[in-house]
Structures are given as C-alpha cells and as structure tokens.
C-alpha cells in the first residue's frame, strides 16, 4: 500500500480507517454472534492506551512489555466487567457498557491520580528503544507504521473469523436464537457469552494500543462516547455479519469524514449518509457486495 499510494496523507487516512476498523470488527463480532451492541466501546479503546502510557511513564517498562501489560490488563478488566454485564438483556447491556466508559473517563480526570493519567491534559508517552523494528519517531510516520497496523488488522480478523466458525460461534448463535431452549438442552449460556465479550474487548483493545503507539498520547477524549460512536457507525455502515464488514465500513466512514469535513457541514452530511446507507443497504456495504458477488456468480454459471 505505501508503494501504491506513495503519499503520507492518504496512507495516514487509510491507517486511521483500519485502526477504526479493528474496533469495528470487535464489536461487530459481539453483535453478530450474541446480539449485544456495546455502546461503551471507548472504554476498551482508551483503557489500553492509558495502560501503555502508565507502563512506560510510571513503571519504566519497555514498549513491548507495555503493550503486553495493556492487552492483558484490558482483557482481565473485560472478564471482570463481563462477569456482570453479560447476564443482562441487550438494552441494559448497552447502557451498562456506556456507563462503564463514562466512569473510566471520570476516573482518568481525578486529581488524585493525575500523576498517572495526566488529568484533563492527557498523558504523553516517551518510548525507549524499538518495537517491532520501529522507534518512537517512526511510529508517528504512516509510511513506516503501516505494516504494524495492517498486521494487527489481519490478526484481529483471523481471530474473529476463526471464533465465528468454531463450536463457540455455533453455540453463541444458538443462544442468541433461543436462549431458553439452549438452557433446557443442557448448554451453559453464561460462559460462552463471557468468552465472546472478552474476545471482542481484546480485539477492540488492539486499536487502542495502536492509537497509543502512533500518537504517543492518551487523553480522556479516547474514553468519550464519540470515540465509540465512530466505531459503531463504521460497523453499521459495513455490516456486522462478516469479519470484513467492519473494516470496509471504517474505510468508508474515514473517507467520508475527510470529504464531509471540507464542506463545513460534517455532522449534517454524516447523518444524511448514515440514513441513506442504512435505508438502501440494511445489511451494510459488505452485505451489498456479497449479494452482487452471488448474482455475478449465478450469471457466470448460467453462461457456462
């Protein structure tokens, strides 16, 4: 891609799209497999970003160790929170996760822990040494950082694709279809949901780590609803039924935000575009692409 575009601006725009796409892939998996919509996506974008900064700034860990601590800490936090929220129905679940994100945002701005989080000013990071062959100065350059972002996207899509086609995925879809029958048949409906929530949050946390590495900064805005709203919008635009839907939606959303922003009517045009997309493509852009592909395949078979 860097050789194809050969333009730092467009590579940076594409990088933003795939980082957002990673978060969209995570929440799309949870929605498709369990029927849960996570309004508090920002909690698992901002938390790993802060954990990276705290590990480097306050604990003196290397960049690689800080990334490991951030992913492990976010996943353990997801298991702790998920043990409570996955018992709820879809609507209470959505509101509980939203409350979680707002709670974390408030905690990060408390004066008592300002030495760790930087308060309202955010937390700047200084990475020592290299990580995956890149130094801090190279993290901020889209042309150099692209392989890390792209590789992370591929790993996250592979995880979601594998989980969706495993026994876990089949059980989750059956629970979503008829939870009472699954319980009557002797299946545990709690542990699979908890595992799906933890996997979804782990994938979302990957995007938070990438944001921390590329920007070397974590701010309370990462825990705001707007951050999670962008990922939710991207997931709806692309469609949650496939692993690639969130990525396609995120790329379209990022490109649209860049185009709409130049007009001075960003929110108006974004709202209109969302209505049009959902009206004409109820299964998302990826669902439309799949339908076109099936029709072309049918026409090709008839021609032969």
C-alpha atoms as a PDB file:
ATOM      1  CA  UNK A   1       0.000   0.000   0.000  1.00  0.00           C
ATOM      2  CA  UNK A   2       2.758   2.566   0.742  1.00  0.00           C
ATOM      3  CA  UNK A   3       4.328   1.826  -2.630  1.00  0.00           C
ATOM      4  CA  UNK A   4       0.930   2.025  -4.339  1.00  0.00           C
ATOM      5  CA  UNK A   5      -0.211   5.334  -2.887  1.00  0.00           C
ATOM      6  CA  UNK A   6       3.221   6.841  -2.147  1.00  0.00           C
ATOM      7  CA  UNK A   7       1.562   9.698  -0.257  1.00  0.00           C
ATOM      8  CA  UNK A   8       1.844  10.072   3.543  1.00  0.00           C
ATOM      9  CA  UNK A   9      -1.541  11.823   3.781  1.00  0.00           C
ATOM     10  CA  UNK A  10      -3.515   9.056   2.076  1.00  0.00           C
ATOM     11  CA  UNK A  11      -1.567   6.356   3.893  1.00  0.00           C
ATOM     12  CA  UNK A  12      -2.347   8.143   7.164  1.00  0.00           C
ATOM     13  CA  UNK A  13      -6.033   8.311   6.237  1.00  0.00           C
ATOM     14  CA  UNK A  14      -6.065   4.612   5.377  1.00  0.00           C
ATOM     15  CA  UNK A  15      -4.250   3.859   8.629  1.00  0.00           C
ATOM     16  CA  UNK A  16      -6.922   5.695  10.610  1.00  0.00           C
ATOM     17  CA  UNK A  17      -9.502   3.658   8.755  1.00  0.00           C
ATOM     18  CA  UNK A  18      -8.009   0.268   9.582  1.00  0.00           C
ATOM     19  CA  UNK A  19      -7.369   1.213  13.226  1.00  0.00           C
ATOM     20  CA  UNK A  20     -11.033   2.186  13.475  1.00  0.00           C
ATOM     21  CA  UNK A  21     -11.849  -0.970  11.530  1.00  0.00           C
ATOM     22  CA  UNK A  22     -10.193  -3.157  14.171  1.00  0.00           C
ATOM     23  CA  UNK A  23     -12.550  -1.747  16.806  1.00  0.00           C
ATOM     24  CA  UNK A  24     -15.491  -2.192  14.429  1.00  0.00           C
ATOM     25  CA  UNK A  25     -14.509  -5.828  13.827  1.00  0.00           C
ATOM     26  CA  UNK A  26     -14.519  -6.478  17.577  1.00  0.00           C
ATOM     27  CA  UNK A  27     -17.939  -5.003  18.295  1.00  0.00           C
ATOM     28  CA  UNK A  28     -19.353  -6.453  15.077  1.00  0.00           C
ATOM     29  CA  UNK A  29     -18.385  -9.942  16.250  1.00  0.00           C
ATOM     30  CA  UNK A  30     -20.216  -9.421  19.546  1.00  0.00           C
ATOM     31  CA  UNK A  31     -23.297  -8.057  17.804  1.00  0.00           C
ATOM     32  CA  UNK A  32     -23.484 -10.783  15.172  1.00  0.00           C
ATOM     33  CA  UNK A  33     -22.784 -13.710  17.479  1.00  0.00           C
ATOM     34  CA  UNK A  34     -24.590 -12.584  20.646  1.00  0.00           C
ATOM     35  CA  UNK A  35     -26.942  -9.786  19.619  1.00  0.00           C
ATOM     36  CA  UNK A  36     -25.212  -7.374  22.025  1.00  0.00           C
ATOM     37  CA  UNK A  37     -24.434  -3.785  20.980  1.00  0.00           C
ATOM     38  CA  UNK A  38     -21.605  -2.327  23.057  1.00  0.00           C
ATOM     39  CA  UNK A  39     -22.190   1.404  23.462  1.00  0.00           C
ATOM     40  CA  UNK A  40     -19.151   1.670  25.727  1.00  0.00           C
ATOM     41  CA  UNK A  41     -16.608   0.761  23.041  1.00  0.00           C
ATOM     42  CA  UNK A  42     -14.484   3.717  24.121  1.00  0.00           C
ATOM     43  CA  UNK A  43     -13.747   2.001  27.445  1.00  0.00           C
ATOM     44  CA  UNK A  44     -11.630  -0.594  25.658  1.00  0.00           C
ATOM     45  CA  UNK A  45     -10.032   1.927  23.324  1.00  0.00           C
ATOM     46  CA  UNK A  46      -8.943   4.402  25.989  1.00  0.00           C
ATOM     47  CA  UNK A  47      -8.050   1.909  28.738  1.00  0.00           C
ATOM     48  CA  UNK A  48      -5.254   0.102  26.826  1.00  0.00           C
ATOM     49  CA  UNK A  49      -3.929   3.440  25.580  1.00  0.00           C
ATOM     50  CA  UNK A  50      -3.635   4.663  29.167  1.00  0.00           C
ATOM     51  CA  UNK A  51      -2.133   1.364  30.303  1.00  0.00           C
ATOM     52  CA  UNK A  52       0.575   1.675  27.664  1.00  0.00           C
ATOM     53  CA  UNK A  53       1.372   5.208  28.849  1.00  0.00           C
ATOM     54  CA  UNK A  54       1.344   4.324  32.550  1.00  0.00           C
ATOM     55  CA  UNK A  55       3.530   1.260  31.973  1.00  0.00           C
ATOM     56  CA  UNK A  56       6.117   3.312  30.094  1.00  0.00           C
ATOM     57  CA  UNK A  57       5.924   6.583  32.025  1.00  0.00           C
ATOM     58  CA  UNK A  58       5.428   5.371  35.611  1.00  0.00           C
ATOM     59  CA  UNK A  59       6.653   1.774  35.632  1.00  0.00           C
ATOM     60  CA  UNK A  60       9.592   2.242  33.268  1.00  0.00           C
ATOM     61  CA  UNK A  61       8.729  -0.784  31.141  1.00  0.00           C
ATOM     62  CA  UNK A  62       9.894  -1.300  27.595  1.00  0.00           C
ATOM     63  CA  UNK A  63       7.494  -0.677  24.744  1.00  0.00           C
ATOM     64  CA  UNK A  64       6.939  -4.380  24.119  1.00  0.00           C
ATOM     65  CA  UNK A  65       6.269  -5.038  27.809  1.00  0.00           C
ATOM     66  CA  UNK A  66       3.928  -2.041  27.980  1.00  0.00           C
ATOM     67  CA  UNK A  67       1.916  -3.381  25.039  1.00  0.00           C
ATOM     68  CA  UNK A  68       1.672  -6.771  26.731  1.00  0.00           C
ATOM     69  CA  UNK A  69       0.540  -5.209  30.014  1.00  0.00           C
ATOM     70  CA  UNK A  70      -2.071  -3.104  28.202  1.00  0.00           C
ATOM     71  CA  UNK A  71      -3.586  -6.058  26.345  1.00  0.00           C
ATOM     72  CA  UNK A  72      -3.506  -8.331  29.385  1.00  0.00           C
ATOM     73  CA  UNK A  73      -4.924  -5.662  31.695  1.00  0.00           C
ATOM     74  CA  UNK A  74      -7.716  -4.764  29.284  1.00  0.00           C
ATOM     75  CA  UNK A  75      -8.667  -8.410  28.791  1.00  0.00           C
ATOM     76  CA  UNK A  76      -8.740  -9.105  32.527  1.00  0.00           C
ATOM     77  CA  UNK A  77     -10.819  -5.985  33.051  1.00  0.00           C
ATOM     78  CA  UNK A  78     -13.185  -7.207  30.318  1.00  0.00           C
ATOM     79  CA  UNK A  79     -13.562 -10.550  32.101  1.00  0.00           C
ATOM     80  CA  UNK A  80     -14.307  -8.771  35.376  1.00  0.00           C
ATOM     81  CA  UNK A  81     -16.868  -6.437  33.822  1.00  0.00           C
ATOM     82  CA  UNK A  82     -18.282  -9.108  31.553  1.00  0.00           C
ATOM     83  CA  UNK A  83     -18.971 -11.373  34.526  1.00  0.00           C
ATOM     84  CA  UNK A  84     -21.624  -8.815  35.475  1.00  0.00           C
ATOM     85  CA  UNK A  85     -22.948  -7.325  32.256  1.00  0.00           C
ATOM     86  CA  UNK A  86     -23.346 -10.414  30.028  1.00  0.00           C
ATOM     87  CA  UNK A  87     -26.183 -11.569  32.267  1.00  0.00           C
ATOM     88  CA  UNK A  88     -28.206  -8.531  31.213  1.00  0.00           C
ATOM     89  CA  UNK A  89     -30.569  -8.212  28.273  1.00  0.00           C
ATOM     90  CA  UNK A  90     -29.313  -6.404  25.135  1.00  0.00           C
ATOM     91  CA  UNK A  91     -30.606  -2.924  26.029  1.00  0.00           C
ATOM     92  CA  UNK A  92     -29.378  -2.908  29.667  1.00  0.00           C
ATOM     93  CA  UNK A  93     -26.106  -4.390  28.408  1.00  0.00           C
ATOM     94  CA  UNK A  94     -25.628  -1.467  26.008  1.00  0.00           C
ATOM     95  CA  UNK A  95     -26.336   1.107  28.710  1.00  0.00           C
ATOM     96  CA  UNK A  96     -24.118  -0.605  31.282  1.00  0.00           C
ATOM     97  CA  UNK A  97     -21.133  -0.575  28.934  1.00  0.00           C
ATOM     98  CA  UNK A  98     -21.789   3.090  28.156  1.00  0.00           C
ATOM     99  CA  UNK A  99     -21.827   3.857  31.878  1.00  0.00           C
ATOM    100  CA  UNK A 100     -18.550   1.952  32.234  1.00  0.00           C
ATOM    101  CA  UNK A 101     -16.837   4.129  29.620  1.00  0.00           C
ATOM    102  CA  UNK A 102     -18.082   7.333  31.243  1.00  0.00           C
ATOM    103  CA  UNK A 103     -16.939   6.086  34.641  1.00  0.00           C
ATOM    104  CA  UNK A 104     -13.431   5.418  33.314  1.00  0.00           C
ATOM    105  CA  UNK A 105     -13.326   8.870  31.735  1.00  0.00           C
ATOM    106  CA  UNK A 106     -14.213  10.461  35.068  1.00  0.00           C
ATOM    107  CA  UNK A 107     -11.620   8.368  36.908  1.00  0.00           C
ATOM    108  CA  UNK A 108      -8.868   9.424  34.490  1.00  0.00           C
ATOM    109  CA  UNK A 109      -9.554  13.110  35.200  1.00  0.00           C
ATOM    110  CA  UNK A 110      -9.439  12.813  39.002  1.00  0.00           C
ATOM    111  CA  UNK A 111      -6.801  14.968  40.654  1.00  0.00           C
ATOM    112  CA  UNK A 112      -5.818  12.132  42.982  1.00  0.00           C
ATOM    113  CA  UNK A 113      -4.404  10.067  40.099  1.00  0.00           C
ATOM    114  CA  UNK A 114      -3.244  12.943  37.916  1.00  0.00           C
ATOM    115  CA  UNK A 115       0.438  11.865  38.259  1.00  0.00           C
ATOM    116  CA  UNK A 116      -0.522   8.628  36.470  1.00  0.00           C
ATOM    117  CA  UNK A 117      -3.106   9.788  33.914  1.00  0.00           C
ATOM    118  CA  UNK A 118      -2.244  13.446  33.381  1.00  0.00           C
ATOM    119  CA  UNK A 119      -5.784  14.519  34.257  1.00  0.00           C
ATOM    120  CA  UNK A 120      -7.604  16.663  31.712  1.00  0.00           C
ATOM    121  CA  UNK A 121      -4.316  17.376  29.911  1.00  0.00           C
ATOM    122  CA  UNK A 122      -3.806  13.737  28.949  1.00  0.00           C
ATOM    123  CA  UNK A 123      -0.730  11.557  29.176  1.00  0.00           C
ATOM    124  CA  UNK A 124       2.282  11.972  26.896  1.00  0.00           C
ATOM    125  CA  UNK A 125       4.487   8.960  26.229  1.00  0.00           C
ATOM    126  CA  UNK A 126       8.203   8.580  25.542  1.00  0.00           C
ATOM    127  CA  UNK A 127       9.129   5.172  24.173  1.00  0.00           C
ATOM    128  CA  UNK A 128      12.680   3.968  24.640  1.00  0.00           C
ATOM    129  CA  UNK A 129      14.307   1.547  22.262  1.00  0.00           C
ATOM    130  CA  UNK A 130      12.402  -0.038  19.393  1.00  0.00           C
ATOM    131  CA  UNK A 131       9.297  -2.156  18.998  1.00  0.00           C
ATOM    132  CA  UNK A 132       8.943  -4.474  16.013  1.00  0.00           C
ATOM    133  CA  UNK A 133      11.904  -2.707  14.465  1.00  0.00           C
ATOM    134  CA  UNK A 134      10.485   0.831  14.792  1.00  0.00           C
ATOM    135  CA  UNK A 135      11.447   3.694  17.096  1.00  0.00           C
ATOM    136  CA  UNK A 136       9.101   6.308  18.532  1.00  0.00           C
ATOM    137  CA  UNK A 137       9.818   8.780  15.749  1.00  0.00           C
ATOM    138  CA  UNK A 138       8.890   6.117  13.185  1.00  0.00           C
ATOM    139  CA  UNK A 139       5.648   5.257  14.981  1.00  0.00           C
ATOM    140  CA  UNK A 140       4.285   8.657  14.007  1.00  0.00           C
ATOM    141  CA  UNK A 141       5.088   8.209  10.312  1.00  0.00           C
ATOM    142  CA  UNK A 142       2.256   6.429   8.465  1.00  0.00           C
ATOM    143  CA  UNK A 143       4.576   5.027   5.806  1.00  0.00           C
ATOM    144  CA  UNK A 144       6.667   3.213   8.453  1.00  0.00           C
ATOM    145  CA  UNK A 145       3.831   2.349  10.850  1.00  0.00           C
ATOM    146  CA  UNK A 146       1.575   0.873   8.157  1.00  0.00           C
ATOM    147  CA  UNK A 147       2.924  -2.735   8.365  1.00  0.00           C
ATOM    148  CA  UNK A 148       2.207  -2.886  12.115  1.00  0.00           C
ATOM    149  CA  UNK A 149      -1.317  -1.531  11.682  1.00  0.00           C
ATOM    150  CA  UNK A 150      -2.030  -3.836   8.740  1.00  0.00           C
ATOM    151  CA  UNK A 151      -0.610  -6.892  10.503  1.00  0.00           C
ATOM    152  CA  UNK A 152      -2.726  -6.165  13.587  1.00  0.00           C
ATOM    153  CA  UNK A 153      -5.814  -5.875  11.402  1.00  0.00           C
ATOM    154  CA  UNK A 154      -5.093  -9.255   9.790  1.00  0.00           C
ATOM    155  CA  UNK A 155      -4.603 -10.898  13.195  1.00  0.00           C
ATOM    156  CA  UNK A 156      -7.840  -9.449  14.567  1.00  0.00           C
ATOM    157  CA  UNK A 157      -9.843 -10.524  11.509  1.00  0.00           C
ATOM    158  CA  UNK A 158      -8.350 -14.023  11.704  1.00  0.00           C
ATOM    159  CA  UNK A 159      -9.296 -14.299  15.384  1.00  0.00           C
ATOM    160  CA  UNK A 160     -12.871 -13.212  14.739  1.00  0.00           C
ATOM    161  CA  UNK A 161     -13.222 -15.377  11.631  1.00  0.00           C
ATOM    162  CA  UNK A 162     -11.910 -18.456  13.459  1.00  0.00           C
ATOM    163  CA  UNK A 163     -14.094 -17.875  16.531  1.00  0.00           C
ATOM    164  CA  UNK A 164     -17.188 -17.382  14.388  1.00  0.00           C
ATOM    165  CA  UNK A 165     -16.661 -20.736  12.653  1.00  0.00           C
ATOM    166  CA  UNK A 166     -15.742 -22.659  15.789  1.00  0.00           C
ATOM    167  CA  UNK A 167     -18.018 -24.532  18.163  1.00  0.00           C
ATOM    168  CA  UNK A 168     -18.106 -21.385  20.296  1.00  0.00           C
ATOM    169  CA  UNK A 169     -19.584 -19.412  17.420  1.00  0.00           C
ATOM    170  CA  UNK A 170     -22.239 -22.040  16.753  1.00  0.00           C
ATOM    171  CA  UNK A 171     -23.232 -22.109  20.434  1.00  0.00           C
ATOM    172  CA  UNK A 172     -23.384 -18.303  20.598  1.00  0.00           C
ATOM    173  CA  UNK A 173     -25.665 -18.064  17.573  1.00  0.00           C
ATOM    174  CA  UNK A 174     -27.918 -20.746  19.018  1.00  0.00           C
ATOM    175  CA  UNK A 175     -28.095 -18.879  22.330  1.00  0.00           C
ATOM    176  CA  UNK A 176     -28.986 -15.677  20.502  1.00  0.00           C
ATOM    177  CA  UNK A 177     -31.716 -17.503  18.612  1.00  0.00           C
ATOM    178  CA  UNK A 178     -33.302 -19.215  21.618  1.00  0.00           C
ATOM    179  CA  UNK A 179     -31.561 -18.983  24.963  1.00  0.00           C
ATOM    180  CA  UNK A 180     -34.234 -20.861  26.909  1.00  0.00           C
ATOM    181  CA  UNK A 181     -34.068 -23.866  24.586  1.00  0.00           C
ATOM    182  CA  UNK A 182     -30.277 -23.958  24.883  1.00  0.00           C
ATOM    183  CA  UNK A 183     -30.536 -23.978  28.659  1.00  0.00           C
ATOM    184  CA  UNK A 184     -33.188 -26.710  28.508  1.00  0.00           C
ATOM    185  CA  UNK A 185     -30.856 -28.725  26.258  1.00  0.00           C
ATOM    186  CA  UNK A 186     -28.128 -28.580  28.901  1.00  0.00           C
ATOM    187  CA  UNK A 187     -25.878 -25.891  27.414  1.00  0.00           C
ATOM    188  CA  UNK A 188     -24.181 -23.271  29.546  1.00  0.00           C
ATOM    189  CA  UNK A 189     -25.208 -19.869  28.174  1.00  0.00           C
ATOM    190  CA  UNK A 190     -23.110 -17.752  30.527  1.00  0.00           C
ATOM    191  CA  UNK A 191     -19.516 -18.844  29.855  1.00  0.00           C
ATOM    192  CA  UNK A 192     -19.781 -18.631  26.029  1.00  0.00           C
ATOM    193  CA  UNK A 193     -21.129 -15.080  26.265  1.00  0.00           C
ATOM    194  CA  UNK A 194     -18.385 -14.117  28.677  1.00  0.00           C
ATOM    195  CA  UNK A 195     -15.760 -15.586  26.330  1.00  0.00           C
ATOM    196  CA  UNK A 196     -17.264 -13.706  23.371  1.00  0.00           C
ATOM    197  CA  UNK A 197     -17.266 -10.439  25.327  1.00  0.00           C
ATOM    198  CA  UNK A 198     -13.633 -10.913  26.375  1.00  0.00           C
ATOM    199  CA  UNK A 199     -12.571 -11.711  22.801  1.00  0.00           C
ATOM    200  CA  UNK A 200     -14.462  -8.702  21.472  1.00  0.00           C
ATOM    201  CA  UNK A 201     -12.840  -6.393  24.027  1.00  0.00           C
ATOM    202  CA  UNK A 202      -9.393  -7.841  23.292  1.00  0.00           C
ATOM    203  CA  UNK A 203      -9.805  -7.023  19.594  1.00  0.00           C
ATOM    204  CA  UNK A 204     -11.014  -3.510  20.401  1.00  0.00           C
ATOM    205  CA  UNK A 205      -8.023  -3.099  22.744  1.00  0.00           C
ATOM    206  CA  UNK A 206      -5.684  -3.715  19.817  1.00  0.00           C
ATOM    207  CA  UNK A 207      -6.951  -0.491  18.234  1.00  0.00           C
ATOM    208  CA  UNK A 208      -6.337   1.378  21.489  1.00  0.00           C
ATOM    209  CA  UNK A 209      -2.745   0.131  21.617  1.00  0.00           C
ATOM    210  CA  UNK A 210      -2.169   1.246  18.013  1.00  0.00           C
ATOM    211  CA  UNK A 211      -3.552   4.697  18.818  1.00  0.00           C
ATOM    212  CA  UNK A 212      -1.176   4.979  21.778  1.00  0.00           C
ATOM    213  CA  UNK A 213       1.841   3.881  19.745  1.00  0.00           C
ATOM    214  CA  UNK A 214       1.177   6.077  16.724  1.00  0.00           C
ATOM    215  CA  UNK A 215       0.167   9.179  18.669  1.00  0.00           C
ATOM    216  CA  UNK A 216       2.325   8.708  21.809  1.00  0.00           C
ATOM    217  CA  UNK A 217      -0.550  10.284  23.720  1.00  0.00           C
ATOM    218  CA  UNK A 218      -3.634   9.215  25.677  1.00  0.00           C
ATOM    219  CA  UNK A 219      -6.397  11.661  26.535  1.00  0.00           C
ATOM    220  CA  UNK A 220      -9.830  11.494  28.214  1.00  0.00           C
ATOM    221  CA  UNK A 221     -11.382  12.031  24.766  1.00  0.00           C
ATOM    222  CA  UNK A 222     -10.457   8.422  23.934  1.00  0.00           C
ATOM    223  CA  UNK A 223     -12.963   7.378  26.596  1.00  0.00           C
ATOM    224  CA  UNK A 224     -15.707   9.644  25.288  1.00  0.00           C
ATOM    225  CA  UNK A 225     -18.836   8.327  23.589  1.00  0.00           C
ATOM    226  CA  UNK A 226     -17.777   9.966  20.322  1.00  0.00           C
ATOM    227  CA  UNK A 227     -14.847   7.556  20.053  1.00  0.00           C
ATOM    228  CA  UNK A 228     -17.089   4.557  20.479  1.00  0.00           C
ATOM    229  CA  UNK A 229     -19.767   6.133  18.298  1.00  0.00           C
ATOM    230  CA  UNK A 230     -17.359   6.256  15.371  1.00  0.00           C
ATOM    231  CA  UNK A 231     -16.656   2.530  15.688  1.00  0.00           C
ATOM    232  CA  UNK A 232     -20.366   1.734  15.999  1.00  0.00           C
ATOM    233  CA  UNK A 233     -21.144   3.827  12.936  1.00  0.00           C
ATOM    234  CA  UNK A 234     -18.390   2.121  10.956  1.00  0.00           C
ATOM    235  CA  UNK A 235     -19.732  -1.278  11.981  1.00  0.00           C
ATOM    236  CA  UNK A 236     -23.265  -0.382  10.878  1.00  0.00           C
ATOM    237  CA  UNK A 237     -22.044   1.023   7.566  1.00  0.00           C
ATOM    238  CA  UNK A 238     -20.026  -2.096   6.764  1.00  0.00           C
ATOM    239  CA  UNK A 239     -22.323  -4.667   8.334  1.00  0.00           C
ATOM    240  CA  UNK A 240     -21.640  -6.934  11.335  1.00  0.00           C
ATOM    241  CA  UNK A 241     -22.263 -10.275   9.629  1.00  0.00           C
ATOM    242  CA  UNK A 242     -18.700 -10.722   8.321  1.00  0.00           C
ATOM    243  CA  UNK A 243     -15.229 -10.018   9.650  1.00  0.00           C
ATOM    244  CA  UNK A 244     -14.508  -7.715   6.708  1.00  0.00           C
ATOM    245  CA  UNK A 245     -17.681  -5.669   7.101  1.00  0.00           C
ATOM    246  CA  UNK A 246     -16.336  -3.527   9.919  1.00  0.00           C
ATOM    247  CA  UNK A 247     -13.135  -2.812   8.001  1.00  0.00           C
ATOM    248  CA  UNK A 248     -14.977  -1.760   4.842  1.00  0.00           C
ATOM    249  CA  UNK A 249     -17.323   0.386   6.909  1.00  0.00           C
ATOM    250  CA  UNK A 250     -14.424   2.020   8.740  1.00  0.00           C
ATOM    251  CA  UNK A 251     -12.618   2.868   5.493  1.00  0.00           C
ATOM    252  CA  UNK A 252     -15.804   4.350   4.018  1.00  0.00           C
ATOM    253  CA  UNK A 253     -16.506   6.254   7.242  1.00  0.00           C
ATOM    254  CA  UNK A 254     -12.974   7.687   7.441  1.00  0.00           C
ATOM    255  CA  UNK A 255     -13.044   8.707   3.786  1.00  0.00           C
ATOM    256  CA  UNK A 256     -16.485  10.276   4.247  1.00  0.00           C
ATOM    257  CA  UNK A 257     -15.369  12.235   7.312  1.00  0.00           C
ATOM    258  CA  UNK A 258     -12.449  13.650   5.345  1.00  0.00           C
ATOM    259  CA  UNK A 259     -14.690  14.664   2.421  1.00  0.00           C
ATOM    260  CA  UNK A 260     -17.547  15.983   4.558  1.00  0.00           C
ATOM    261  CA  UNK A 261     -15.174  17.907   6.826  1.00  0.00           C
ATOM    262  CA  UNK A 262     -14.048  20.131   3.966  1.00  0.00           C
ATOM    263  CA  UNK A 263     -17.626  21.368   3.428  1.00  0.00           C
ATOM    264  CA  UNK A 264     -18.163  22.745   6.920  1.00  0.00           C
ATOM    265  CA  UNK A 265     -21.272  20.573   7.391  1.00  0.00           C
ATOM    266  CA  UNK A 266     -19.692  17.446   8.815  1.00  0.00           C
ATOM    267  CA  UNK A 267     -22.475  16.363  11.196  1.00  0.00           C
ATOM    268  CA  UNK A 268     -25.300  17.116   8.740  1.00  0.00           C
ATOM    269  CA  UNK A 269     -23.738  15.208   5.854  1.00  0.00           C
ATOM    270  CA  UNK A 270     -22.695  12.323   8.109  1.00  0.00           C
ATOM    271  CA  UNK A 271     -26.255  11.952   9.354  1.00  0.00           C
ATOM    272  CA  UNK A 272     -27.706  12.036   5.845  1.00  0.00           C
ATOM    273  CA  UNK A 273     -25.146   9.482   4.628  1.00  0.00           C
ATOM    274  CA  UNK A 274     -25.982   7.151   7.529  1.00  0.00           C
ATOM    275  CA  UNK A 275     -29.704   7.284   6.770  1.00  0.00           C
ATOM    276  CA  UNK A 276     -29.093   6.596   3.080  1.00  0.00           C
ATOM    277  CA  UNK A 277     -26.732   3.689   3.736  1.00  0.00           C
ATOM    278  CA  UNK A 278     -28.997   2.000   6.284  1.00  0.00           C
ATOM    279  CA  UNK A 279     -32.082   2.544   4.095  1.00  0.00           C
ATOM    280  CA  UNK A 280     -30.618   1.165   0.876  1.00  0.00           C
ATOM    281  CA  UNK A 281     -28.150  -1.327   2.399  1.00  0.00           C
ATOM    282  CA  UNK A 282     -29.790  -2.756   5.535  1.00  0.00           C
ATOM    283  CA  UNK A 283     -27.123  -5.484   5.734  1.00  0.00           C
ATOM    284  CA  UNK A 284     -24.299  -2.983   5.312  1.00  0.00           C
ATOM    285  CA  UNK A 285     -21.921  -2.302   2.460  1.00  0.00           C
ATOM    286  CA  UNK A 286     -20.351  -5.749   2.762  1.00  0.00           C
ATOM    287  CA  UNK A 287     -23.762  -7.383   2.532  1.00  0.00           C
ATOM    288  CA  UNK A 288     -24.383  -5.469  -0.693  1.00  0.00           C
ATOM    289  CA  UNK A 289     -21.008  -6.563  -2.069  1.00  0.00           C
ATOM    290  CA  UNK A 290     -21.804 -10.181  -1.207  1.00  0.00           C
ATOM    291  CA  UNK A 291     -25.193 -10.031  -2.937  1.00  0.00           C
ATOM    292  CA  UNK A 292     -23.623  -8.579  -6.068  1.00  0.00           C
ATOM    293  CA  UNK A 293     -20.966 -11.295  -5.993  1.00  0.00           C
ATOM    294  CA  UNK A 294     -23.588 -14.048  -5.700  1.00  0.00           C
ATOM    295  CA  UNK A 295     -25.580 -12.653  -8.610  1.00  0.00           C
ATOM    296  CA  UNK A 296     -22.484 -12.376 -10.787  1.00  0.00           C
ATOM    297  CA  UNK A 297     -21.540 -15.940  -9.895  1.00  0.00           C
ATOM    298  CA  UNK A 298     -25.037 -17.142 -10.816  1.00  0.00           C
ATOM    299  CA  UNK A 299     -24.897 -15.308 -14.136  1.00  0.00           C
ATOM    300  CA  UNK A 300     -21.473 -16.780 -14.835  1.00  0.00           C
ATOM    301  CA  UNK A 301     -22.716 -20.310 -14.144  1.00  0.00           C
ATOM    302  CA  UNK A 302     -25.714 -19.796 -16.408  1.00  0.00           C
ATOM    303  CA  UNK A 303     -23.430 -18.548 -19.165  1.00  0.00           C
ATOM    304  CA  UNK A 304     -21.372 -21.722 -18.920  1.00  0.00           C
END
